[in-house]
C-alpha atoms as a PDB file:
ATOM      1  CA  PHE A   1     180.479 -74.272 -17.702  1.00  0.00           C
ATOM      2  CA  VAL A   2     179.367 -77.408 -19.570  1.00  0.00           C
ATOM      3  CA  ALA A   3     180.514 -76.301 -23.029  1.00  0.00           C
ATOM      4  CA  TYR A   4     183.981 -75.027 -22.111  1.00  0.00           C
ATOM      5  CA  PRO A   5     185.954 -78.329 -22.482  1.00  0.00           C
ATOM      6  CA  PHE A   6     184.365 -78.892 -25.904  1.00  0.00           C
ATOM      7  CA  ARG A   7     184.774 -75.311 -27.166  1.00  0.00           C
ATOM      8  CA  ALA A   8     188.366 -75.063 -25.943  1.00  0.00           C
ATOM      9  CA  THR A   9     189.210 -78.317 -27.755  1.00  0.00           C
ATOM     10  CA  ILE A  10     187.268 -77.939 -31.011  1.00  0.00           C
ATOM     11  CA  GLN A  11     187.311 -74.181 -31.607  1.00  0.00           C
ATOM     12  CA  GLY A  12     190.837 -73.454 -30.386  1.00  0.00           C
ATOM     13  CA  LEU A  13     190.034 -69.970 -29.149  1.00  0.00           C
ATOM     14  CA  HIS A  14     193.014 -67.716 -28.510  1.00  0.00           C
ATOM     15  CA  GLN A  15     191.564 -66.607 -25.166  1.00  0.00           C
ATOM     16  CA  PHE A  16     191.661 -70.201 -23.940  1.00  0.00           C
ATOM     17  CA  ASP A  17     195.286 -70.624 -25.070  1.00  0.00           C
ATOM     18  CA  SER A  18     194.158 -73.698 -27.005  1.00  0.00           C
ATOM     19  CA  LEU A  19     195.130 -72.825 -30.571  1.00  0.00           C
ATOM     20  CA  ARG A  20     197.316 -75.928 -30.944  1.00  0.00           C
ATOM     21  CA  ALA A  21     195.747 -78.367 -28.497  1.00  0.00           C
ATOM     22  CA  GLY A  22     192.715 -78.462 -26.272  1.00  0.00           C
ATOM     23  CA  LEU A  23     192.123 -81.467 -24.052  1.00  0.00           C
ATOM     24  CA  GLY A  24     192.754 -83.688 -27.067  1.00  0.00           C
ATOM     25  CA  VAL A  25     190.512 -85.629 -29.412  1.00  0.00           C
ATOM     26  CA  PHE A  26     190.618 -88.825 -27.320  1.00  0.00           C
ATOM     27  CA  PRO A  27     188.170 -87.724 -24.564  1.00  0.00           C
ATOM     28  CA  LEU A  28     185.713 -86.453 -27.179  1.00  0.00           C
ATOM     29  CA  LEU A  29     185.726 -89.748 -29.095  1.00  0.00           C
ATOM     30  CA  LEU A  30     185.456 -91.705 -25.854  1.00  0.00           C
ATOM     31  CA  VAL A  31     182.335 -89.877 -24.617  1.00  0.00           C
ATOM     32  CA  PRO A  32     179.710 -92.211 -26.237  1.00  0.00           C
ATOM     33  CA  PHE A  33     181.384 -95.366 -24.878  1.00  0.00           C
ATOM     34  CA  ALA A  34     181.841 -93.845 -21.408  1.00  0.00           C
ATOM     35  CA  VAL A  35     178.235 -92.599 -21.194  1.00  0.00           C
ATOM     36  CA  ILE A  36     176.794 -95.983 -22.214  1.00  0.00           C
ATOM     37  CA  GLY A  37     179.134 -97.766 -19.785  1.00  0.00           C
ATOM     38  CA  LEU A  38     178.143 -95.472 -16.912  1.00  0.00           C
ATOM     39  CA  TRP A  39     174.471 -96.052 -17.621  1.00  0.00           C
ATOM     40  CA  LYS A  40     174.883 -99.823 -17.794  1.00  0.00           C
ATOM     41  CA  PHE A  41     176.769 -99.951 -14.486  1.00  0.00           C
ATOM     42  CA  ARG A  42     175.067 -97.026 -12.744  1.00  0.00           C
ATOM     43  CA  HIS A  43     174.191 -99.155  -9.716  1.00  0.00           C
ATOM     44  CA  LYS A  44     177.934 -99.493  -8.926  1.00  0.00           C
ATOM     45  CA  ILE A  45     178.844 -95.803  -9.187  1.00  0.00           C
ATOM     46  CA  LYS A  46     178.451 -94.834  -5.512  1.00  0.00           C
ATOM     47  CA  THR A  47     180.687 -97.661  -4.281  1.00  0.00           C
ATOM     48  CA  SER A  48     183.349 -97.195  -6.960  1.00  0.00           C
ATOM     49  CA  ASP A  49     186.635 -95.323  -6.602  1.00  0.00           C
ATOM     50  CA  LEU A  50     185.645 -93.570  -9.824  1.00  0.00           C
ATOM     51  CA  PHE A  51     183.007 -91.665  -7.859  1.00  0.00           C
ATOM     52  CA  THR A  52     185.774 -90.133  -5.704  1.00  0.00           C
ATOM     53  CA  TYR A  53     187.935 -89.350  -8.742  1.00  0.00           C
ATOM     54  CA  SER A  54     185.060 -87.707 -10.595  1.00  0.00           C
ATOM     55  CA  LEU A  55     184.071 -85.686  -7.514  1.00  0.00           C
ATOM     56  CA  ILE A  56     187.637 -84.361  -7.194  1.00  0.00           C
ATOM     57  CA  ALA A  57     187.701 -83.453 -10.886  1.00  0.00           C
ATOM     58  CA  ILE A  58     184.288 -81.741 -10.835  1.00  0.00           C
ATOM     59  CA  LEU A  59     185.057 -79.712  -7.682  1.00  0.00           C
ATOM     60  CA  PHE A  60     188.446 -78.639  -9.056  1.00  0.00           C
ATOM     61  CA  TYR A  61     186.838 -77.617 -12.350  1.00  0.00           C
ATOM     62  CA  ALA A  62     183.991 -75.737 -10.640  1.00  0.00           C
ATOM     63  CA  PHE A  63     186.327 -73.762  -8.362  1.00  0.00           C
ATOM     64  CA  TRP A  64     188.652 -72.999 -11.268  1.00  0.00           C
ATOM     65  CA  PHE A  65     185.809 -71.935 -13.572  1.00  0.00           C
ATOM     66  CA  PHE A  66     183.854 -69.705 -11.185  1.00  0.00           C
ATOM     67  CA  LEU A  67     186.689 -68.069  -9.214  1.00  0.00           C
ATOM     68  CA  GLY A  68     187.680 -65.804 -12.102  1.00  0.00           C
ATOM     69  CA  SER A  69     190.915 -67.396 -13.325  1.00  0.00           C
ATOM     70  CA  SER A  70     192.304 -66.730 -16.803  1.00  0.00           C
ATOM     71  CA  GLN A  71     190.562 -69.935 -18.029  1.00  0.00           C
ATOM     72  CA  ARG A  72     193.567 -71.152 -19.984  1.00  0.00           C
ATOM     73  CA  ILE A  73     192.983 -74.778 -20.717  1.00  0.00           C
ATOM     74  CA  ARG A  74     196.408 -75.943 -19.541  1.00  0.00           C
ATOM     75  CA  HIS A  75     195.284 -75.212 -15.960  1.00  0.00           C
ATOM     76  CA  LEU A  76     193.078 -78.312 -16.221  1.00  0.00           C
ATOM     77  CA  LEU A  77     196.004 -80.669 -16.853  1.00  0.00           C
ATOM     78  CA  PRO A  78     196.190 -81.761 -13.155  1.00  0.00           C
ATOM     79  CA  ILE A  79     192.728 -83.328 -13.373  1.00  0.00           C
ATOM     80  CA  LEU A  80     192.901 -84.626 -16.955  1.00  0.00           C
ATOM     81  CA  PRO A  81     194.309 -88.030 -15.868  1.00  0.00           C
ATOM     82  CA  LEU A  82     191.412 -88.457 -13.403  1.00  0.00           C
ATOM     83  CA  VAL A  83     188.890 -87.574 -16.105  1.00  0.00           C
ATOM     84  CA  LEU A  84     190.463 -90.041 -18.539  1.00  0.00           C
ATOM     85  CA  VAL A  85     190.398 -92.822 -15.947  1.00  0.00           C
ATOM     86  CA  CYS A  86     186.721 -92.070 -15.230  1.00  0.00           C
ATOM     87  CA  MET A  87     185.970 -92.365 -18.953  1.00  0.00           C
ATOM     88  CA  VAL A  88     188.177 -95.297 -19.928  1.00  0.00           C
ATOM     89  CA  VAL A  89     187.081 -97.636 -17.135  1.00  0.00           C
ATOM     90  CA  PRO A  90     183.331 -97.637 -17.904  1.00  0.00           C
ATOM     91  CA  ALA A  91     184.149 -97.896 -21.625  1.00  0.00           C
ATOM     92  CA  GLN A  92     186.319-100.939 -20.927  1.00  0.00           C
ATOM     93  CA  ARG A  93     183.669-102.488 -18.644  1.00  0.00           C
ATOM     94  CA  LEU A  94     181.176-102.066 -21.467  1.00  0.00           C
ATOM     95  CA  LEU A  95     183.218-104.544 -23.507  1.00  0.00           C
ATOM     96  CA  THR A  96     182.292-107.304 -21.038  1.00  0.00           C
ATOM     97  CA  ILE A  97     178.629-107.125 -22.050  1.00  0.00           C
ATOM     98  CA  GLN A  98     178.788-105.650 -25.567  1.00  0.00           C
ATOM     99  CA  ASN A  99     180.922-106.637 -28.546  1.00  0.00           C
ATOM    100  CA  LEU A 100     182.468-103.196 -29.074  1.00  0.00           C
ATOM    101  CA  HIS A 101     186.099-104.221 -29.342  1.00  0.00           C
ATOM    102  CA  ARG A 102     186.505-103.129 -32.959  1.00  0.00           C
ATOM    103  CA  PRO A 103     185.067 -99.596 -32.532  1.00  0.00           C
ATOM    104  CA  LEU A 104     187.079 -99.024 -29.366  1.00  0.00           C
ATOM    105  CA  ILE A 105     190.319-100.328 -30.874  1.00  0.00           C
ATOM    106  CA  SER A 106     189.654 -98.217 -33.971  1.00  0.00           C
ATOM    107  CA  LEU A 107     189.299 -95.199 -31.696  1.00  0.00           C
ATOM    108  CA  PHE A 108     192.707 -95.850 -30.127  1.00  0.00           C
ATOM    109  CA  VAL A 109     194.346 -96.382 -33.530  1.00  0.00           C
ATOM    110  CA  LEU A 110     192.758 -93.224 -34.943  1.00  0.00           C
ATOM    111  CA  VAL A 111     193.962 -91.089 -32.029  1.00  0.00           C
ATOM    112  CA  ILE A 112     197.512 -92.471 -32.187  1.00  0.00           C
ATOM    113  CA  VAL A 113     197.730 -91.932 -35.961  1.00  0.00           C
ATOM    114  CA  VAL A 114     196.376 -88.375 -35.721  1.00  0.00           C
ATOM    115  CA  GLN A 115     198.663 -87.427 -32.827  1.00  0.00           C
ATOM    116  CA  LEU A 116     201.795 -88.894 -34.428  1.00  0.00           C
ATOM    117  CA  SER A 117     200.968 -87.221 -37.751  1.00  0.00           C
ATOM    118  CA  PHE A 118     200.670 -83.788 -36.167  1.00  0.00           C
ATOM    119  CA  GLN A 119     203.798 -84.384 -34.091  1.00  0.00           C
ATOM    120  CA  ALA A 120     205.706 -85.225 -37.274  1.00  0.00           C
ATOM    121  CA  LEU A 121     204.369 -82.060 -38.897  1.00  0.00           C
ATOM    122  CA  PHE A 122     205.454 -79.915 -35.943  1.00  0.00           C
ATOM    123  CA  ALA A 123     208.898 -81.518 -36.018  1.00  0.00           C
ATOM    124  CA  LEU A 124     209.632 -80.728 -39.689  1.00  0.00           C
ATOM    125  CA  LYS A 125     211.399 -77.402 -39.139  1.00  0.00           C
ATOM    126  CA  SER A 126     213.407 -78.778 -36.234  1.00  0.00           C
ATOM    127  CA  ALA A 127     214.373 -81.845 -38.269  1.00  0.00           C
ATOM    128  CA  GLN A 128     215.572 -79.569 -41.055  1.00  0.00           C
ATOM    129  CA  TYR A 129     217.867 -77.851 -38.552  1.00  0.00           C
ATOM    130  CA  VAL A 130     219.196 -81.136 -37.158  1.00  0.00           C
ATOM    131  CA  PHE A 131     219.943 -82.731 -40.532  1.00  0.00           C
ATOM    132  CA  SER A 132     221.265 -79.671 -42.384  1.00  0.00           C
ATOM    133  CA  GLY A 133     224.148 -77.261 -41.929  1.00  0.00           C
ATOM    134  CA  GLU A 134     221.838 -74.537 -40.652  1.00  0.00           C
ATOM    135  CA  THR A 135     223.156 -72.392 -37.788  1.00  0.00           C
ATOM    136  CA  ARG A 136     221.239 -71.667 -34.602  1.00  0.00           C
ATOM    137  CA  ASP A 137     220.580 -68.077 -35.662  1.00  0.00           C
ATOM    138  CA  GLU A 138     219.346 -69.152 -39.092  1.00  0.00           C
ATOM    139  CA  TYR A 139     216.976 -71.636 -37.481  1.00  0.00           C
ATOM    140  CA  LEU A 140     215.638 -69.065 -35.016  1.00  0.00           C
ATOM    141  CA  GLN A 141     215.178 -66.473 -37.752  1.00  0.00           C
ATOM    142  CA  ARG A 142     213.117 -68.993 -39.689  1.00  0.00           C
ATOM    143  CA  THR A 143     210.985 -70.116 -36.741  1.00  0.00           C
ATOM    144  CA  THR A 144     210.798 -67.192 -34.293  1.00  0.00           C
ATOM    145  CA  SER A 145     208.736 -64.045 -34.636  1.00  0.00           C
ATOM    146  CA  TRP A 146     210.555 -60.713 -34.275  1.00  0.00           C
ATOM    147  CA  TYR A 147     213.958 -62.405 -33.949  1.00  0.00           C
ATOM    148  CA  GLU A 148     216.020 -59.686 -35.669  1.00  0.00           C
ATOM    149  CA  PRO A 149     216.481 -57.471 -32.542  1.00  0.00           C
ATOM    150  CA  VAL A 150     217.623 -60.474 -30.488  1.00  0.00           C
ATOM    151  CA  LEU A 151     220.274 -61.368 -33.064  1.00  0.00           C
ATOM    152  CA  TRP A 152     221.693 -57.847 -32.883  1.00  0.00           C
ATOM    153  CA  ILE A 153     221.427 -57.626 -29.078  1.00  0.00           C
ATOM    154  CA  ASN A 154     223.230 -60.941 -28.563  1.00  0.00           C
ATOM    155  CA  ASN A 155     226.082 -59.839 -30.841  1.00  0.00           C
ATOM    156  CA  ASN A 156     226.475 -56.245 -29.689  1.00  0.00           C
ATOM    157  CA  LEU A 157     225.469 -55.840 -26.039  1.00  0.00           C
ATOM    158  CA  THR A 158     227.353 -57.151 -23.015  1.00  0.00           C
ATOM    159  CA  GLN A 159     226.553 -58.804 -19.700  1.00  0.00           C
ATOM    160  CA  ASN A 160     226.824 -55.392 -18.045  1.00  0.00           C
ATOM    161  CA  GLU A 161     223.716 -54.187 -19.891  1.00  0.00           C
ATOM    162  CA  ARG A 162     220.076 -55.072 -19.411  1.00  0.00           C
ATOM    163  CA  VAL A 163     217.248 -54.967 -21.950  1.00  0.00           C
ATOM    164  CA  LEU A 164     213.589 -54.474 -21.136  1.00  0.00           C
ATOM    165  CA  SER A 165     210.961 -55.702 -23.591  1.00  0.00           C
ATOM    166  CA  MET A 166     207.369 -56.951 -23.664  1.00  0.00           C
ATOM    167  CA  VAL A 167     208.065 -60.038 -25.788  1.00  0.00           C
ATOM    168  CA  ARG A 168     207.783 -63.265 -23.782  1.00  0.00           C
ATOM    169  CA  TRP A 169     209.885 -65.596 -25.940  1.00  0.00           C
ATOM    170  CA  TYR A 170     212.888 -63.262 -25.770  1.00  0.00           C
ATOM    171  CA  GLU A 171     213.390 -64.659 -22.261  1.00  0.00           C
ATOM    172  CA  TYR A 172     214.586 -67.938 -23.793  1.00  0.00           C
ATOM    173  CA  ILE A 173     216.830 -66.675 -26.584  1.00  0.00           C
ATOM    174  CA  THR A 174     218.417 -63.453 -25.284  1.00  0.00           C
ATOM    175  CA  ASN A 175     221.974 -64.039 -24.058  1.00  0.00           C
ATOM    176  CA  VAL A 176     222.359 -60.721 -22.228  1.00  0.00           C
ATOM    177  CA  PRO A 177     220.405 -59.775 -19.066  1.00  0.00           C
ATOM    178  CA  HIS A 178     216.776 -59.214 -19.966  1.00  0.00           C
ATOM    179  CA  TYR A 179     213.554 -58.253 -18.174  1.00  0.00           C
ATOM    180  CA  TRP A 180     210.151 -59.281 -19.534  1.00  0.00           C
ATOM    181  CA  ALA A 181     207.766 -56.424 -18.801  1.00  0.00           C
ATOM    182  CA  HIS A 182     204.430 -58.109 -19.363  1.00  0.00           C
ATOM    183  CA  ILE A 183     201.356 -55.923 -18.942  1.00  0.00           C
ATOM    184  CA  TYR A 184     199.541 -58.182 -16.460  1.00  0.00           C
ATOM    185  CA  THR A 185     201.825 -60.919 -15.113  1.00  0.00           C
ATOM    186  CA  GLN A 186     204.450 -58.735 -13.436  1.00  0.00           C
ATOM    187  CA  SER A 187     204.335 -55.529 -11.397  1.00  0.00           C
ATOM    188  CA  ARG A 188     207.917 -54.285 -11.138  1.00  0.00           C
ATOM    189  CA  VAL A 189     207.262 -52.158 -14.246  1.00  0.00           C
ATOM    190  CA  ASN A 190     203.691 -50.882 -14.346  1.00  0.00           C
ATOM    191  CA  LEU A 191     202.482 -50.974 -17.955  1.00  0.00           C
ATOM    192  CA  LEU A 192     198.782 -51.356 -17.241  1.00  0.00           C
ATOM    193  CA  PRO A 193     196.598 -49.465 -19.737  1.00  0.00           C
ATOM    194  CA  GLY A 194     195.763 -46.048 -18.337  1.00  0.00           C
ATOM    195  CA  SER A 195     198.545 -46.011 -15.711  1.00  0.00           C
ATOM    196  CA  ASN A 196     200.329 -43.136 -17.483  1.00  0.00           C
ATOM    197  CA  ASP A 197     202.903 -42.266 -14.795  1.00  0.00           C
ATOM    198  CA  ILE A 198     206.206 -41.512 -16.514  1.00  0.00           C
ATOM    199  CA  LYS A 199     208.119 -40.639 -13.332  1.00  0.00           C
ATOM    200  CA  SER A 200     207.105 -43.910 -11.724  1.00  0.00           C
ATOM    201  CA  PHE A 201     208.189 -45.736 -14.906  1.00  0.00           C
ATOM    202  CA  ILE A 202     211.624 -44.080 -14.712  1.00  0.00           C
ATOM    203  CA  ARG A 203     212.033 -45.069 -11.048  1.00  0.00           C
ATOM    204  CA  GLN A 204     211.046 -48.655 -11.816  1.00  0.00           C
ATOM    205  CA  ILE A 205     213.450 -49.175 -14.725  1.00  0.00           C
ATOM    206  CA  LYS A 206     216.235 -47.533 -12.680  1.00  0.00           C
ATOM    207  CA  ALA A 207     215.584 -50.022  -9.878  1.00  0.00           C
ATOM    208  CA  LEU A 208     215.909 -52.869 -12.381  1.00  0.00           C
ATOM    209  CA  LYS A 209     219.180 -51.394 -13.747  1.00  0.00           C
ATOM    210  CA  VAL A 210     217.753 -51.356 -17.266  1.00  0.00           C
ATOM    211  CA  THR A 211     220.095 -49.846 -19.855  1.00  0.00           C
ATOM    212  CA  HIS A 212     218.070 -50.459 -23.042  1.00  0.00           C
ATOM    213  CA  VAL A 213     214.351 -50.637 -23.836  1.00  0.00           C
ATOM    214  CA  LEU A 214     212.971 -52.387 -26.906  1.00  0.00           C
ATOM    215  CA  GLN A 215     209.853 -50.836 -28.374  1.00  0.00           C
ATOM    216  CA  TRP A 216     206.779 -53.001 -28.925  1.00  0.00           C
ATOM    217  CA  PRO A 217     206.654 -53.595 -32.742  1.00  0.00           C
ATOM    218  CA  VAL A 218     204.558 -51.074 -34.695  1.00  0.00           C
ATOM    219  CA  PRO A 219     202.919 -51.673 -38.126  1.00  0.00           C
ATOM    220  CA  ASN A 220     204.244 -49.266 -40.748  1.00  0.00           C
ATOM    221  CA  ASN A 221     200.893 -48.956 -42.512  1.00  0.00           C
ATOM    222  CA  LEU A 222     199.352 -46.900 -39.677  1.00  0.00           C
ATOM    223  CA  THR A 223     199.235 -43.124 -39.703  1.00  0.00           C
ATOM    224  CA  ALA A 224     200.933 -41.211 -36.891  1.00  0.00           C
ATOM    225  CA  LEU A 225     197.540 -40.588 -35.279  1.00  0.00           C
ATOM    226  CA  GLN A 226     196.551 -44.272 -35.529  1.00  0.00           C
ATOM    227  CA  GLN A 227     199.854 -45.305 -33.938  1.00  0.00           C
ATOM    228  CA  ILE A 228     199.202 -43.005 -30.986  1.00  0.00           C
ATOM    229  CA  GLU A 229     195.627 -44.232 -30.609  1.00  0.00           C
ATOM    230  CA  LYS A 230     196.661 -47.910 -30.606  1.00  0.00           C
ATOM    231  CA  GLU A 231     200.080 -47.720 -28.963  1.00  0.00           C
ATOM    232  CA  GLU A 232     201.068 -49.772 -25.961  1.00  0.00           C
ATOM    233  CA  MET A 233     201.850 -47.973 -22.714  1.00  0.00           C
ATOM    234  CA  LEU A 234     205.541 -48.869 -23.127  1.00  0.00           C
ATOM    235  CA  ASN A 235     205.657 -47.137 -26.514  1.00  0.00           C
ATOM    236  CA  ARG A 236     203.909 -44.089 -25.071  1.00  0.00           C
ATOM    237  CA  TYR A 237     206.540 -43.830 -22.345  1.00  0.00           C
ATOM    238  CA  LEU A 238     209.293 -44.155 -24.942  1.00  0.00           C
ATOM    239  CA  ARG A 239     207.757 -41.369 -27.001  1.00  0.00           C
ATOM    240  CA  ILE A 240     207.666 -39.091 -23.931  1.00  0.00           C
ATOM    241  CA  LEU A 241     211.232 -39.999 -22.943  1.00  0.00           C
ATOM    242  CA  GLN A 242     212.559 -39.330 -26.433  1.00  0.00           C
ATOM    243  CA  LYS A 243     210.971 -35.862 -26.493  1.00  0.00           C
ATOM    244  CA  ALA A 244     212.597 -35.145 -23.116  1.00  0.00           C
ATOM    245  CA  ASN A 245     216.022 -36.312 -24.373  1.00  0.00           C
ATOM    246  CA  CYS A 246     216.033 -39.208 -21.873  1.00  0.00           C
ATOM    247  CA  ILE A 247     216.709 -41.928 -24.442  1.00  0.00           C
ATOM    248  CA  GLU A 248     218.349 -42.235 -27.818  1.00  0.00           C
ATOM    249  CA  PRO A 249     217.605 -44.751 -30.600  1.00  0.00           C
ATOM    250  CA  THR A 250     220.367 -47.340 -30.899  1.00  0.00           C
ATOM    251  CA  LYS A 251     219.044 -49.343 -33.840  1.00  0.00           C
ATOM    252  CA  SER A 252     215.762 -49.927 -35.679  1.00  0.00           C
ATOM    253  CA  PHE A 253     214.708 -53.296 -37.054  1.00  0.00           C
ATOM    254  CA  ALA A 254     212.248 -54.430 -39.695  1.00  0.00           C
ATOM    255  CA  VAL A 255     210.701 -57.530 -38.143  1.00  0.00           C
ATOM    256  CA  ARG A 256     208.190 -60.159 -39.191  1.00  0.00           C
ATOM    257  CA  TYR A 257     205.591 -62.059 -37.233  1.00  0.00           C
ATOM    258  CA  LEU A 258     205.105 -65.751 -38.001  1.00  0.00           C
ATOM    259  CA  ILE A 259     201.467 -66.807 -38.067  1.00  0.00           C
ATOM    260  CA  SER A 260     202.593 -70.429 -37.772  1.00  0.00           C
ATOM    261  CA  ARG A 261     205.882 -71.828 -36.532  1.00  0.00           C
ATOM    262  CA  THR A 262     205.166 -75.003 -38.505  1.00  0.00           C
ATOM    263  CA  LEU A 263     203.562 -74.127 -41.825  1.00  0.00           C
ATOM    264  CA  PRO A 264     204.706 -71.594 -44.451  1.00  0.00           C
ATOM    265  CA  ASP A 265     203.171 -68.123 -44.227  1.00  0.00           C
ATOM    266  CA  HIS A 266     200.804 -67.432 -47.108  1.00  0.00           C
ATOM    267  CA  LYS A 267     199.017 -64.472 -45.541  1.00  0.00           C
ATOM    268  CA  ARG A 268     200.754 -61.156 -46.099  1.00  0.00           C
ATOM    269  CA  LEU A 269     201.131 -59.146 -42.893  1.00  0.00           C
ATOM    270  CA  PRO A 270     201.908 -55.417 -42.767  1.00  0.00           C
ATOM    271  CA  ASN A 271     205.551 -54.437 -42.409  1.00  0.00           C
ATOM    272  CA  VAL A 272     206.440 -53.966 -38.756  1.00  0.00           C
ATOM    273  CA  THR A 273     209.258 -52.005 -37.149  1.00  0.00           C
ATOM    274  CA  THR A 274     210.743 -51.915 -33.673  1.00  0.00           C
ATOM    275  CA  THR A 275     213.513 -49.727 -32.229  1.00  0.00           C
ATOM    276  CA  LEU A 276     216.007 -50.408 -29.461  1.00  0.00           C
ATOM    277  CA  TYR A 277     216.553 -47.340 -27.249  1.00  0.00           C
ATOM    278  CA  LYS A 278     219.436 -46.631 -24.917  1.00  0.00           C
ATOM    279  CA  LEU A 279     218.696 -44.828 -21.675  1.00  0.00           C
ATOM    280  CA  LYS A 280     220.541 -41.607 -20.906  1.00  0.00           C
ATOM    281  CA  LEU A 281     218.592 -40.509 -17.866  1.00  0.00           C
ATOM    282  CA  TYR A 282     221.411 -38.263 -16.674  1.00  0.00           C
ATOM    283  CA  LYS A 283     220.408 -35.893 -19.480  1.00  0.00           C
ATOM    284  CA  CYS A 284     216.693 -36.262 -18.852  1.00  0.00           C
ATOM    285  CA  ARG A 285     214.616 -33.079 -18.716  1.00  0.00           C
ATOM    286  CA  LEU A 286     211.738 -34.662 -16.815  1.00  0.00           C
END
């Protein structure tokens, strides 16, 4: 409970969804000034508006932490301004009794320089697109994981067709109707591990008027047995449907996953393949 804001900011754990940014370096650097300021003016805390702000922030954080949410750090953004106010004010008040102007100003300058530097780094690929003759598809191929199926889908399918996939970012770049079948954040297509109900899956995709299903990408370096042991529920359903002649492969794609959308990839990842299947449920033997 106490360590979470620090761990989510410094360690950047994937589970906290804080790989690129936690609560920011500014609150961490401000802690010593804020703590000293609070101690110096502790007799004023109960009558200060900051007491109300801090109480709101602490109660929000406690409810959020202990009620079993996903604990993604972005959920704390509503109270971050209150926390910053509660830290900046005592730090500023401290300047009235201590000559700490230089350290505090240095803190602000350091944070601004660091933030602008990283923002410039993140903007490099986008700047290359803006100031070169690169097309939209070329830019997306260079910056988006598993983009190859989307390029083909946008050029070959129509508005009368609908694609189901498990890839979140396809929602933003697919020009034909698309349904994002996430395992946990939607229920219209049940892909929970262990659900294993093929007839229910067929009814659900029929209700959504799905015409094509895109397989979750599979590493090529796995044996057939390893693929079955590690496969997603969607891929298991597709394997069953293909055996029952309910779908047919439309096109397979060799795709690549980008470890970073900003920096060049130096780590070699296994080759990955995904296949787009077309439904032909009228021929289904299930």
